[in-house]
Amino acid sequence: MKKSLILISLAAALSLSAAEQPASQQKAVAAEGVKYIKILGKELKGKLVKYLKQDPSGLQGAYFCSKSAQRITKEVNAKFPDNIKVRRTALKYRNPDNKPDATDVKVMEQMEAAAKAGKLEKKPVVVKVGETERVYVPLIAQKACLKCHGPVEKIDPKVKETIAKHYPDDKAVGFHEGDLRGVVVAEIAPEAK
C-alpha cells in the first residue's frame, strides 16, 4: 500500500512538472529529444547488431559494449550542440557510468509500474529539471538483449565471464522479453546567449 502511494505521488509530481508547459511546447521538446536519441541509438544498435550476427552467443556483443559503448556515446555527444546531451541509464545498470540520478529513478519507477500494469506507452516522457528539459524514451528488452541481460542461468558462461571481468558490480541481468530494460535520456539545456 505504501509503495503504491509513493508511486502515485511520484507520478503526480512528474506529471505536474511536465504539465507546466503547453502541449505544443512539450511536443516540440519531445521531438527534439527523440531526434538526438535516435542518432545515438542508430550508432550503438547498428554496431551491436553486426556483432550479434557474427556471434550468436552474445560474446562479441558483450565485448563490444564493454570496450566501445561509452566511447561511442561520447563521440556522438561531441557532434551535438553544446546544450544537448544523450545518455543511457537503468534501474538495474551494468556500467557505473550509467548510474541513474534521483529524477531518472522516479521516471523509470513510474514506467516500470505502468509496464507491470500493462500500460507502458513507448512514447517519450518530458520532465523539467531546473532549466534543463529531459526527454526519456523507454528501452524495452528484446530477444537479442537477453543474451547478455536475460536470466543469469540462460546467459552463455563466456558472456558471464566477460561481463564479470568488466563489470564486477553488474546489476543488469534477469530481464525477460518485453521488460523495461532502461531508458535513453536526452537532456536539453537552455542555449547560452
N, C-alpha and C. Protein backbone atom coordinates (compact mmCIF):
# COMPACT_ATOMS: atom_id res chain seq x y z
N MET A 1 0.83 -1.19 0.00
CA MET A 1 0.00 0.00 0.00
C MET A 1 0.87 1.25 0.00
N LYS A 2 1.89 1.26 0.88
CA LYS A 2 2.77 2.41 0.99
C LYS A 2 3.50 2.65 -0.34
N LYS A 3 3.96 1.54 -0.96
CA LYS A 3 4.66 1.66 -2.24
C LYS A 3 3.73 2.23 -3.31
N SER A 4 2.48 1.81 -3.31
CA SER A 4 1.51 2.33 -4.27
C SER A 4 1.32 3.83 -4.10
N LEU A 5 1.23 4.28 -2.85
CA LEU A 5 1.07 5.71 -2.59
C LEU A 5 2.30 6.49 -3.05
N ILE A 6 3.48 5.92 -2.82
CA ILE A 6 4.71 6.58 -3.26
C ILE A 6 4.71 6.69 -4.79
N LEU A 7 4.37 5.60 -5.48
CA LEU A 7 4.34 5.63 -6.95
C LEU A 7 3.32 6.63 -7.47
N ILE A 8 2.17 6.69 -6.82
CA ILE A 8 1.15 7.66 -7.25
C ILE A 8 1.67 9.08 -7.02
N SER A 9 2.33 9.32 -5.90
CA SER A 9 2.90 10.65 -5.62
C SER A 9 3.96 11.01 -6.65
N LEU A 10 4.83 10.04 -6.97
CA LEU A 10 5.87 10.30 -7.96
C LEU A 10 5.26 10.59 -9.32
N ALA A 11 4.28 9.80 -9.68
CA ALA A 11 3.62 10.00 -10.97
C ALA A 11 2.98 11.39 -11.03
N ALA A 12 2.34 11.79 -9.94
CA ALA A 12 1.72 13.12 -9.90
C ALA A 12 2.77 14.21 -10.00
N ALA A 13 3.89 14.05 -9.28
CA ALA A 13 4.95 15.06 -9.32
C ALA A 13 5.53 15.18 -10.72
N LEU A 14 5.77 14.03 -11.36
CA LEU A 14 6.32 14.07 -12.72
C LEU A 14 5.31 14.65 -13.69
N SER A 15 4.05 14.31 -13.52
CA SER A 15 3.02 14.84 -14.40
C SER A 15 2.90 16.35 -14.24
N LEU A 16 2.97 16.84 -13.01
CA LEU A 16 2.89 18.29 -12.79
C LEU A 16 4.06 19.01 -13.44
N SER A 17 5.26 18.42 -13.32
CA SER A 17 6.43 19.04 -13.91
C SER A 17 6.24 19.18 -15.42
N ALA A 18 5.74 18.15 -16.04
CA ALA A 18 5.52 18.19 -17.48
C ALA A 18 4.32 19.06 -17.84
N ALA A 19 3.33 19.11 -16.97
CA ALA A 19 2.11 19.85 -17.27
C ALA A 19 2.30 21.36 -17.23
N GLU A 20 3.42 21.83 -16.68
CA GLU A 20 3.67 23.26 -16.60
C GLU A 20 3.82 23.89 -17.99
N GLN A 21 4.12 23.09 -18.99
CA GLN A 21 4.32 23.59 -20.34
C GLN A 21 3.07 23.36 -21.18
N PRO A 22 2.86 24.24 -22.15
CA PRO A 22 1.77 23.97 -23.09
C PRO A 22 2.07 22.69 -23.88
N ALA A 23 1.02 21.98 -24.29
CA ALA A 23 1.18 20.71 -25.01
C ALA A 23 2.04 20.87 -26.26
N SER A 24 1.87 21.98 -26.98
CA SER A 24 2.64 22.17 -28.21
C SER A 24 4.13 22.29 -27.92
N GLN A 25 4.46 22.96 -26.82
CA GLN A 25 5.87 23.11 -26.45
C GLN A 25 6.43 21.76 -26.00
N GLN A 26 5.64 21.01 -25.26
CA GLN A 26 6.08 19.67 -24.83
C GLN A 26 6.34 18.78 -26.03
N LYS A 27 5.47 18.83 -27.04
CA LYS A 27 5.65 18.03 -28.24
C LYS A 27 6.93 18.42 -28.96
N ALA A 28 7.21 19.71 -29.03
CA ALA A 28 8.42 20.19 -29.70
C ALA A 28 9.66 19.71 -28.96
N VAL A 29 9.64 19.79 -27.64
CA VAL A 29 10.78 19.33 -26.82
C VAL A 29 10.96 17.82 -27.02
N ALA A 30 9.86 17.08 -26.96
CA ALA A 30 9.92 15.63 -27.14
C ALA A 30 10.51 15.29 -28.51
N ALA A 31 10.05 15.97 -29.54
CA ALA A 31 10.55 15.70 -30.90
C ALA A 31 12.04 15.99 -31.00
N GLU A 32 12.48 17.09 -30.40
CA GLU A 32 13.91 17.42 -30.45
C GLU A 32 14.73 16.36 -29.71
N GLY A 33 14.27 15.98 -28.52
CA GLY A 33 14.99 14.96 -27.76
C GLY A 33 15.05 13.64 -28.48
N VAL A 34 13.94 13.22 -29.05
CA VAL A 34 13.89 11.94 -29.77
C VAL A 34 14.83 11.97 -30.97
N LYS A 35 14.95 13.11 -31.61
CA LYS A 35 15.86 13.24 -32.77
C LYS A 35 17.29 12.87 -32.34
N TYR A 36 17.74 13.39 -31.22
CA TYR A 36 19.10 13.11 -30.75
C TYR A 36 19.22 11.68 -30.20
N ILE A 37 18.19 11.20 -29.56
CA ILE A 37 18.19 9.83 -29.05
C ILE A 37 18.34 8.84 -30.20
N LYS A 38 17.63 9.10 -31.30
CA LYS A 38 17.70 8.21 -32.46
C LYS A 38 19.10 8.19 -33.06
N ILE A 39 19.79 9.31 -33.04
CA ILE A 39 21.15 9.36 -33.58
C ILE A 39 22.06 8.44 -32.77
N LEU A 40 22.00 8.55 -31.45
CA LEU A 40 22.81 7.67 -30.61
C LEU A 40 22.38 6.22 -30.78
N GLY A 41 21.08 5.99 -30.76
CA GLY A 41 20.57 4.62 -30.89
C GLY A 41 21.00 3.95 -32.18
N LYS A 42 20.95 4.69 -33.26
CA LYS A 42 21.35 4.13 -34.57
C LYS A 42 22.83 3.75 -34.55
N GLU A 43 23.64 4.59 -33.97
CA GLU A 43 25.07 4.34 -33.91
C GLU A 43 25.39 3.11 -33.07
N LEU A 44 24.82 3.03 -31.88
CA LEU A 44 25.10 1.90 -31.00
C LEU A 44 24.46 0.61 -31.49
N LYS A 45 23.19 0.67 -31.83
CA LYS A 45 22.46 -0.54 -32.23
C LYS A 45 23.02 -1.12 -33.53
N GLY A 46 23.37 -0.24 -34.47
CA GLY A 46 23.91 -0.71 -35.75
C GLY A 46 25.15 -1.56 -35.55
N LYS A 47 26.04 -1.09 -34.70
CA LYS A 47 27.28 -1.83 -34.45
C LYS A 47 27.02 -3.09 -33.63
N LEU A 48 26.17 -3.00 -32.64
CA LEU A 48 25.87 -4.15 -31.79
C LEU A 48 25.22 -5.27 -32.61
N VAL A 49 24.27 -4.94 -33.46
CA VAL A 49 23.59 -5.94 -34.29
C VAL A 49 24.61 -6.68 -35.16
N LYS A 50 25.58 -5.95 -35.69
CA LYS A 50 26.64 -6.57 -36.51
C LYS A 50 27.37 -7.64 -35.70
N TYR A 51 27.73 -7.33 -34.48
CA TYR A 51 28.45 -8.30 -33.64
C TYR A 51 27.56 -9.47 -33.24
N LEU A 52 26.30 -9.22 -33.00
CA LEU A 52 25.40 -10.30 -32.62
C LEU A 52 25.15 -11.25 -33.79
N LYS A 53 25.17 -10.72 -35.01
CA LYS A 53 25.03 -11.59 -36.20
C LYS A 53 26.27 -12.44 -36.39
N GLN A 54 27.44 -11.86 -36.13
CA GLN A 54 28.69 -12.59 -36.28
C GLN A 54 28.83 -13.69 -35.24
N ASP A 55 28.32 -13.45 -34.04
CA ASP A 55 28.49 -14.37 -32.93
C ASP A 55 27.18 -14.48 -32.15
N PRO A 56 26.34 -15.47 -32.47
CA PRO A 56 25.04 -15.61 -31.81
C PRO A 56 25.11 -15.86 -30.30
N SER A 57 26.28 -16.23 -29.76
CA SER A 57 26.38 -16.48 -28.32
C SER A 57 26.23 -15.18 -27.52
N GLY A 58 26.55 -14.04 -28.17
CA GLY A 58 26.49 -12.75 -27.49
C GLY A 58 27.84 -12.29 -26.98
N LEU A 59 28.87 -13.15 -27.06
CA LEU A 59 30.19 -12.81 -26.53
C LEU A 59 30.79 -11.58 -27.22
N GLN A 60 30.74 -11.53 -28.55
CA GLN A 60 31.29 -10.37 -29.26
C GLN A 60 30.50 -9.11 -28.95
N GLY A 61 29.19 -9.25 -28.79
CA GLY A 61 28.36 -8.11 -28.41
C GLY A 61 28.71 -7.59 -27.03
N ALA A 62 28.92 -8.50 -26.08
CA ALA A 62 29.30 -8.09 -24.72
C ALA A 62 30.66 -7.41 -24.74
N TYR A 63 31.57 -7.95 -25.52
CA TYR A 63 32.91 -7.36 -25.61
C TYR A 63 32.82 -5.96 -26.25
N PHE A 64 32.02 -5.83 -27.31
CA PHE A 64 31.83 -4.53 -27.97
C PHE A 64 31.30 -3.51 -26.97
N CYS A 65 30.26 -3.88 -26.24
CA CYS A 65 29.66 -2.94 -25.29
C CYS A 65 30.65 -2.51 -24.22
N SER A 66 31.42 -3.48 -23.70
CA SER A 66 32.36 -3.15 -22.62
C SER A 66 33.49 -2.26 -23.11
N LYS A 67 33.89 -2.41 -24.36
CA LYS A 67 35.03 -1.65 -24.88
C LYS A 67 34.63 -0.38 -25.63
N SER A 68 33.43 -0.33 -26.19
CA SER A 68 33.13 0.76 -27.13
C SER A 68 31.90 1.60 -26.85
N ALA A 69 30.92 1.11 -26.10
CA ALA A 69 29.66 1.84 -25.95
C ALA A 69 29.84 3.22 -25.35
N GLN A 70 30.63 3.35 -24.29
CA GLN A 70 30.82 4.66 -23.67
C GLN A 70 31.59 5.60 -24.60
N ARG A 71 32.60 5.05 -25.28
CA ARG A 71 33.38 5.87 -26.22
C ARG A 71 32.49 6.40 -27.34
N ILE A 72 31.67 5.53 -27.91
CA ILE A 72 30.77 5.93 -29.00
C ILE A 72 29.77 6.96 -28.49
N THR A 73 29.26 6.78 -27.28
CA THR A 73 28.32 7.75 -26.71
C THR A 73 28.99 9.12 -26.61
N LYS A 74 30.22 9.17 -26.15
CA LYS A 74 30.95 10.45 -26.05
C LYS A 74 31.19 11.06 -27.42
N GLU A 75 31.56 10.23 -28.39
CA GLU A 75 31.81 10.72 -29.76
C GLU A 75 30.54 11.30 -30.38
N VAL A 76 29.42 10.61 -30.18
CA VAL A 76 28.15 11.10 -30.73
C VAL A 76 27.75 12.41 -30.04
N ASN A 77 27.89 12.46 -28.72
CA ASN A 77 27.55 13.68 -27.99
C ASN A 77 28.42 14.86 -28.41
N ALA A 78 29.66 14.60 -28.79
CA ALA A 78 30.57 15.67 -29.23
C ALA A 78 30.08 16.33 -30.52
N LYS A 79 29.25 15.65 -31.28
CA LYS A 79 28.71 16.19 -32.54
C LYS A 79 27.45 17.02 -32.31
N PHE A 80 26.86 16.91 -31.13
CA PHE A 80 25.63 17.63 -30.82
C PHE A 80 25.93 19.07 -30.41
N PRO A 81 24.92 19.94 -30.47
CA PRO A 81 25.10 21.29 -29.93
C PRO A 81 25.50 21.20 -28.45
N ASP A 82 26.18 22.22 -27.96
CA ASP A 82 26.71 22.21 -26.59
C ASP A 82 25.64 22.02 -25.51
N ASN A 83 24.40 22.40 -25.81
CA ASN A 83 23.35 22.30 -24.80
C ASN A 83 22.59 20.96 -24.82
N ILE A 84 23.05 20.01 -25.63
CA ILE A 84 22.38 18.71 -25.77
C ILE A 84 23.32 17.60 -25.28
N LYS A 85 22.75 16.69 -24.49
CA LYS A 85 23.50 15.52 -24.05
C LYS A 85 22.53 14.34 -24.08
N VAL A 86 23.00 13.21 -24.60
CA VAL A 86 22.18 11.99 -24.62
C VAL A 86 22.96 10.91 -23.87
N ARG A 87 22.24 10.18 -23.04
CA ARG A 87 22.86 9.12 -22.25
C ARG A 87 21.87 7.98 -22.05
N ARG A 88 22.41 6.86 -21.58
CA ARG A 88 21.58 5.70 -21.26
C ARG A 88 21.67 5.45 -19.76
N THR A 89 20.58 4.97 -19.18
CA THR A 89 20.59 4.61 -17.77
C THR A 89 19.53 3.54 -17.53
N ALA A 90 19.58 2.96 -16.35
CA ALA A 90 18.63 1.91 -15.99
C ALA A 90 18.58 1.77 -14.48
N LEU A 91 17.50 1.21 -13.98
CA LEU A 91 17.42 0.91 -12.55
C LEU A 91 18.42 -0.21 -12.23
N LYS A 92 18.50 -1.18 -13.12
CA LYS A 92 19.47 -2.26 -12.99
C LYS A 92 20.52 -2.01 -14.07
N TYR A 93 21.54 -1.24 -13.72
CA TYR A 93 22.55 -0.83 -14.70
C TYR A 93 23.77 -1.75 -14.62
N ARG A 94 24.51 -1.75 -15.69
CA ARG A 94 25.74 -2.56 -15.78
C ARG A 94 26.96 -1.69 -15.54
N ASN A 95 27.07 -0.62 -16.28
CA ASN A 95 28.23 0.27 -16.18
C ASN A 95 27.94 1.34 -15.13
N PRO A 96 28.83 1.50 -14.14
CA PRO A 96 28.58 2.53 -13.12
C PRO A 96 28.49 3.94 -13.70
N ASP A 97 29.06 4.15 -14.90
CA ASP A 97 28.94 5.46 -15.56
C ASP A 97 27.50 5.75 -15.97
N ASN A 98 26.66 4.71 -16.01
CA ASN A 98 25.26 4.86 -16.40
C ASN A 98 24.31 4.86 -15.22
N LYS A 99 24.85 5.03 -14.02
CA LYS A 99 24.03 5.02 -12.81
C LYS A 99 22.98 6.14 -12.88
N PRO A 100 21.72 5.84 -12.56
CA PRO A 100 20.67 6.86 -12.64
C PRO A 100 20.75 7.85 -11.49
N ASP A 101 20.28 9.07 -11.76
CA ASP A 101 20.14 10.04 -10.67
C ASP A 101 18.71 9.93 -10.13
N ALA A 102 18.37 10.75 -9.17
CA ALA A 102 17.06 10.65 -8.50
C ALA A 102 15.89 10.85 -9.47
N THR A 103 16.02 11.79 -10.40
CA THR A 103 14.94 12.01 -11.37
C THR A 103 14.80 10.82 -12.30
N ASP A 104 15.94 10.28 -12.76
CA ASP A 104 15.90 9.09 -13.61
C ASP A 104 15.16 7.96 -12.90
N VAL A 105 15.47 7.76 -11.63
CA VAL A 105 14.85 6.68 -10.86
C VAL A 105 13.34 6.89 -10.80
N LYS A 106 12.91 8.10 -10.51
CA LYS A 106 11.47 8.39 -10.43
C LYS A 106 10.76 8.08 -11.74
N VAL A 107 11.36 8.53 -12.84
CA VAL A 107 10.74 8.31 -14.16
C VAL A 107 10.68 6.82 -14.46
N MET A 108 11.79 6.10 -14.23
CA MET A 108 11.81 4.67 -14.54
C MET A 108 10.89 3.87 -13.63
N GLU A 109 10.79 4.26 -12.37
CA GLU A 109 9.85 3.57 -11.48
C GLU A 109 8.41 3.77 -11.96
N GLN A 110 8.12 4.96 -12.45
CA GLN A 110 6.78 5.22 -12.98
C GLN A 110 6.55 4.37 -14.23
N MET A 111 7.56 4.29 -15.10
CA MET A 111 7.44 3.47 -16.32
C MET A 111 7.30 1.99 -15.96
N GLU A 112 8.08 1.54 -14.99
CA GLU A 112 8.04 0.14 -14.59
C GLU A 112 6.66 -0.21 -14.01
N ALA A 113 6.09 0.68 -13.22
CA ALA A 113 4.76 0.44 -12.66
C ALA A 113 3.73 0.35 -13.80
N ALA A 114 3.87 1.23 -14.78
CA ALA A 114 2.97 1.19 -15.94
C ALA A 114 3.15 -0.11 -16.72
N ALA A 115 4.40 -0.54 -16.87
CA ALA A 115 4.67 -1.79 -17.60
C ALA A 115 4.05 -2.98 -16.89
N LYS A 116 4.18 -3.02 -15.57
CA LYS A 116 3.61 -4.13 -14.80
C LYS A 116 2.09 -4.14 -14.88
N ALA A 117 1.50 -2.96 -15.07
CA ALA A 117 0.05 -2.86 -15.22
C ALA A 117 -0.38 -3.04 -16.68
N GLY A 118 0.60 -3.28 -17.56
CA GLY A 118 0.30 -3.44 -18.99
C GLY A 118 -0.04 -2.13 -19.66
N LYS A 119 0.40 -1.00 -19.10
CA LYS A 119 0.02 0.31 -19.63
C LYS A 119 1.21 1.17 -20.03
N LEU A 120 2.39 0.56 -20.22
CA LEU A 120 3.55 1.35 -20.61
C LEU A 120 3.41 1.79 -22.05
N GLU A 121 3.49 3.09 -22.24
CA GLU A 121 3.47 3.64 -23.59
C GLU A 121 4.90 3.87 -24.01
N LYS A 122 5.19 3.62 -25.27
CA LYS A 122 6.56 3.77 -25.76
C LYS A 122 6.86 5.20 -26.18
N LYS A 123 5.95 6.11 -25.88
CA LYS A 123 6.17 7.49 -26.27
C LYS A 123 7.11 8.17 -25.27
N PRO A 124 7.77 9.25 -25.69
CA PRO A 124 8.70 9.93 -24.80
C PRO A 124 8.00 10.63 -23.63
N VAL A 125 8.73 10.72 -22.53
CA VAL A 125 8.26 11.43 -21.35
C VAL A 125 9.15 12.65 -21.18
N VAL A 126 8.55 13.82 -21.04
CA VAL A 126 9.31 15.06 -20.87
C VAL A 126 9.20 15.52 -19.42
N VAL A 127 10.36 15.78 -18.81
CA VAL A 127 10.43 16.23 -17.43
C VAL A 127 11.39 17.42 -17.37
N LYS A 128 10.99 18.45 -16.64
CA LYS A 128 11.85 19.61 -16.47
C LYS A 128 12.60 19.49 -15.15
N VAL A 129 13.92 19.63 -15.22
CA VAL A 129 14.77 19.56 -14.03
C VAL A 129 15.56 20.87 -14.01
N GLY A 130 15.13 21.77 -13.16
CA GLY A 130 15.73 23.11 -13.17
C GLY A 130 15.40 23.77 -14.50
N GLU A 131 16.41 24.25 -15.19
CA GLU A 131 16.21 24.87 -16.50
C GLU A 131 16.36 23.86 -17.64
N THR A 132 16.77 22.65 -17.31
CA THR A 132 17.01 21.61 -18.33
C THR A 132 15.77 20.76 -18.52
N GLU A 133 15.47 20.47 -19.77
CA GLU A 133 14.35 19.57 -20.07
C GLU A 133 14.93 18.23 -20.46
N ARG A 134 14.36 17.19 -19.89
CA ARG A 134 14.80 15.84 -20.18
C ARG A 134 13.72 15.11 -20.95
N VAL A 135 14.14 14.38 -21.96
CA VAL A 135 13.23 13.56 -22.74
C VAL A 135 13.67 12.11 -22.51
N TYR A 136 12.76 11.32 -21.96
CA TYR A 136 13.04 9.92 -21.66
C TYR A 136 12.30 9.02 -22.66
N VAL A 137 13.03 8.07 -23.24
CA VAL A 137 12.43 7.08 -24.12
C VAL A 137 12.73 5.71 -23.52
N PRO A 138 11.69 4.90 -23.28
CA PRO A 138 11.93 3.59 -22.67
C PRO A 138 12.67 2.64 -23.61
N LEU A 139 13.55 1.83 -23.03
CA LEU A 139 14.21 0.74 -23.75
C LEU A 139 13.54 -0.55 -23.31
N ILE A 140 12.95 -1.24 -24.25
CA ILE A 140 12.25 -2.49 -23.94
C ILE A 140 13.16 -3.66 -24.31
N ALA A 141 13.32 -4.60 -23.39
CA ALA A 141 14.18 -5.76 -23.64
C ALA A 141 13.61 -6.59 -24.79
N GLN A 142 14.47 -6.81 -25.78
CA GLN A 142 14.11 -7.65 -26.92
C GLN A 142 14.84 -8.98 -26.79
N LYS A 143 14.48 -9.93 -27.62
CA LYS A 143 15.06 -11.27 -27.53
C LYS A 143 16.59 -11.21 -27.60
N ALA A 144 17.15 -10.43 -28.50
CA ALA A 144 18.61 -10.34 -28.65
C ALA A 144 19.27 -9.79 -27.38
N CYS A 145 18.58 -8.91 -26.66
CA CYS A 145 19.13 -8.31 -25.42
C CYS A 145 19.39 -9.37 -24.35
N LEU A 146 18.60 -10.44 -24.39
CA LEU A 146 18.65 -11.43 -23.33
C LEU A 146 19.94 -12.24 -23.34
N LYS A 147 20.69 -12.18 -24.44
CA LYS A 147 21.97 -12.90 -24.50
C LYS A 147 22.94 -12.39 -23.43
N CYS A 148 22.80 -11.12 -23.08
CA CYS A 148 23.67 -10.52 -22.06
C CYS A 148 22.90 -10.03 -20.84
N HIS A 149 21.58 -9.84 -21.00
CA HIS A 149 20.78 -9.24 -19.93
C HIS A 149 19.66 -10.15 -19.42
N GLY A 150 19.57 -11.36 -19.94
CA GLY A 150 18.48 -12.26 -19.56
C GLY A 150 18.70 -12.92 -18.21
N PRO A 151 17.91 -13.95 -17.91
CA PRO A 151 18.10 -14.69 -16.66
C PRO A 151 19.53 -15.25 -16.62
N VAL A 152 20.19 -15.12 -15.49
CA VAL A 152 21.60 -15.49 -15.35
C VAL A 152 21.87 -16.91 -15.82
N GLU A 153 20.98 -17.83 -15.48
CA GLU A 153 21.21 -19.23 -15.83
C GLU A 153 21.13 -19.49 -17.34
N LYS A 154 20.61 -18.55 -18.10
CA LYS A 154 20.50 -18.73 -19.55
C LYS A 154 21.58 -17.98 -20.33
N ILE A 155 22.42 -17.22 -19.64
CA ILE A 155 23.49 -16.48 -20.31
C ILE A 155 24.68 -17.41 -20.50
N ASP A 156 25.26 -17.39 -21.70
CA ASP A 156 26.43 -18.21 -22.03
C ASP A 156 27.53 -17.96 -20.99
N PRO A 157 28.18 -19.03 -20.50
CA PRO A 157 29.22 -18.86 -19.48
C PRO A 157 30.35 -17.91 -19.88
N LYS A 158 30.74 -17.91 -21.15
CA LYS A 158 31.81 -17.00 -21.59
C LYS A 158 31.33 -15.55 -21.57
N VAL A 159 30.06 -15.35 -21.86
CA VAL A 159 29.48 -14.00 -21.79
C VAL A 159 29.48 -13.54 -20.33
N LYS A 160 29.04 -14.43 -19.43
CA LYS A 160 29.03 -14.10 -18.00
C LYS A 160 30.44 -13.75 -17.51
N GLU A 161 31.42 -14.50 -17.99
CA GLU A 161 32.80 -14.25 -17.60
C GLU A 161 33.28 -12.87 -18.08
N THR A 162 32.94 -12.52 -19.31
CA THR A 162 33.31 -11.21 -19.87
C THR A 162 32.64 -10.08 -19.09
N ILE A 163 31.37 -10.25 -18.80
CA ILE A 163 30.64 -9.23 -18.04
C ILE A 163 31.25 -9.07 -16.65
N ALA A 164 31.52 -10.18 -15.97
CA ALA A 164 32.09 -10.12 -14.62
C ALA A 164 33.46 -9.45 -14.61
N LYS A 165 34.22 -9.69 -15.66
CA LYS A 165 35.56 -9.09 -15.77
C LYS A 165 35.48 -7.57 -15.89
N HIS A 166 34.58 -7.10 -16.73
CA HIS A 166 34.48 -5.66 -16.99
C HIS A 166 33.54 -4.93 -16.03
N TYR A 167 32.55 -5.65 -15.49
CA TYR A 167 31.56 -5.02 -14.61
C TYR A 167 31.33 -5.90 -13.38
N PRO A 168 32.25 -5.88 -12.43
CA PRO A 168 32.11 -6.77 -11.26
C PRO A 168 30.85 -6.50 -10.42
N ASP A 169 30.28 -5.31 -10.51
CA ASP A 169 29.07 -4.99 -9.74
C ASP A 169 27.82 -4.94 -10.63
N ASP A 170 27.83 -5.71 -11.70
CA ASP A 170 26.73 -5.73 -12.66
C ASP A 170 25.39 -6.01 -11.99
N LYS A 171 24.39 -5.22 -12.39
CA LYS A 171 23.02 -5.41 -11.89
C LYS A 171 22.06 -5.69 -13.04
N ALA A 172 22.56 -5.64 -14.29
CA ALA A 172 21.69 -5.63 -15.47
C ALA A 172 21.39 -7.00 -16.05
N VAL A 173 20.94 -7.91 -15.21
CA VAL A 173 20.54 -9.25 -15.67
C VAL A 173 19.18 -9.58 -15.08
N GLY A 174 18.63 -10.68 -15.57
CA GLY A 174 17.33 -11.14 -15.05
C GLY A 174 16.14 -10.60 -15.81
N PHE A 175 16.38 -10.00 -16.97
CA PHE A 175 15.29 -9.44 -17.77
C PHE A 175 14.66 -10.52 -18.63
N HIS A 176 13.41 -10.27 -18.99
CA HIS A 176 12.67 -11.12 -19.93
C HIS A 176 12.22 -10.23 -21.08
N GLU A 177 11.94 -10.86 -22.19
CA GLU A 177 11.48 -10.11 -23.37
C GLU A 177 10.26 -9.27 -23.00
N GLY A 178 10.29 -7.99 -23.36
CA GLY A 178 9.18 -7.08 -23.08
C GLY A 178 9.35 -6.28 -21.80
N ASP A 179 10.34 -6.63 -20.96
CA ASP A 179 10.59 -5.87 -19.73
C ASP A 179 11.15 -4.49 -20.06
N LEU A 180 10.96 -3.56 -19.14
CA LEU A 180 11.61 -2.26 -19.25
C LEU A 180 13.08 -2.48 -18.90
N ARG A 181 13.95 -2.33 -19.87
CA ARG A 181 15.38 -2.55 -19.67
C ARG A 181 16.05 -1.30 -19.08
N GLY A 182 15.55 -0.14 -19.47
CA GLY A 182 16.10 1.13 -19.02
C GLY A 182 15.53 2.24 -19.87
N VAL A 183 16.27 3.34 -19.96
CA VAL A 183 15.83 4.47 -20.77
C VAL A 183 17.02 5.10 -21.47
N VAL A 184 16.72 5.81 -22.54
CA VAL A 184 17.69 6.72 -23.16
C VAL A 184 17.16 8.11 -22.85
N VAL A 185 18.06 8.99 -22.41
CA VAL A 185 17.66 10.32 -21.96
C VAL A 185 18.37 11.38 -22.79
N ALA A 186 17.59 12.30 -23.32
CA ALA A 186 18.17 13.49 -23.96
C ALA A 186 17.97 14.65 -22.99
N GLU A 187 19.06 15.31 -22.66
CA GLU A 187 18.99 16.47 -21.78
C GLU A 187 19.19 17.71 -22.64
N ILE A 188 18.21 18.61 -22.59
CA ILE A 188 18.24 19.81 -23.41
C ILE A 188 18.29 21.02 -22.47
N ALA A 189 19.47 21.59 -22.36
CA ALA A 189 19.66 22.76 -21.51
C ALA A 189 19.35 24.02 -22.31
N PRO A 190 19.07 25.13 -21.64
CA PRO A 190 18.87 26.38 -22.37
C PRO A 190 20.15 26.72 -23.14
N GLU A 191 19.98 27.30 -24.30
CA GLU A 191 21.16 27.69 -25.10
C GLU A 191 21.84 28.88 -24.46
N ALA A 192 23.15 28.86 -24.44
CA ALA A 192 23.92 30.00 -23.90
C ALA A 192 23.75 31.19 -24.82
N LYS A 193 23.65 32.36 -24.23
CA LYS A 193 23.43 33.56 -25.06
C LYS A 193 24.68 34.38 -25.13
